[in-house]
Amino acid sequence: MLTVWGRASSSNVQATMWCIAELGLPATRIDAGLAYGVNDTPAFRAMNPNSTVPVLVDGDNAPLWETGAILRYLANVYAKAPFWPRDVQARAQIDKWTEWAKINVALGFTAPVFWRVVRTAPAKRDPAAIADAVSSLAKKLAIAETQLKAHDFLAGPDLTLADIQFGHVLYRYFDIDIARPRFPALQNYYARLTERAAFRQHVMVSYEELRVV
């Protein structure tokens, strides 16, 4: 049995839970972080000295932290092709998009854009900094746009681990109040993701508890 520590409003927890659900694995999630506490306890720090979420425990195995490591663990242990091929060359083609999405999109959106819009009081927001961050992110999303014009999913014709790392930020990207450049293929891709039950359950989650007013 998989156990995940982390609040449902954490985007990294959302990626983890979405992956677990797409793989059809049973799991228990325990609220932790921010208002829920738990992650500031000695017991939690024994699992993750960083006190961050998510943390994954799979049965009697040692706890795992860092979302990228957790997602690859889940894929390596439980997934099959095409989600995560056993062939090293085929897997590497997916892995490069997975890493690209984490470094360029997830990290380029969460703190530079989302935190400045939602987790910053209106009076303290910096519209110019937000616009610059959205513009910088758009350069990376343009790469995804080109890829998604040729394929239904980020790394090819099928949902893979790359989509988990890329797609989990798109609900917030399309939902928050920002001026977005037009990317039709990306919009269509997002619409396809919203048709997936696992995406709706674990990613399309309210972030109101994070909002600073």
Foldseek 3Di string as FASTA:
>chain_A
DKEKEAALLDLLVLLLQLLCVVLVHDYHYHYDDDPVHPLPDPVNCVLPVVSDDIWMDDPPDRIDDDSVVSLVVCCVPRNDPPQAHPPPVSNVLLVVLLVCQQVQPVVLDVPQAVCLQFQDPPVPHDVVSNVVSLVSSVVSVVVQLVCLVVELARSHPDHYSSCSSRVLCVLVVVPTDDDHDDRPSVVVSNVVLCVDPSCCVRRNDDNNVNGDD
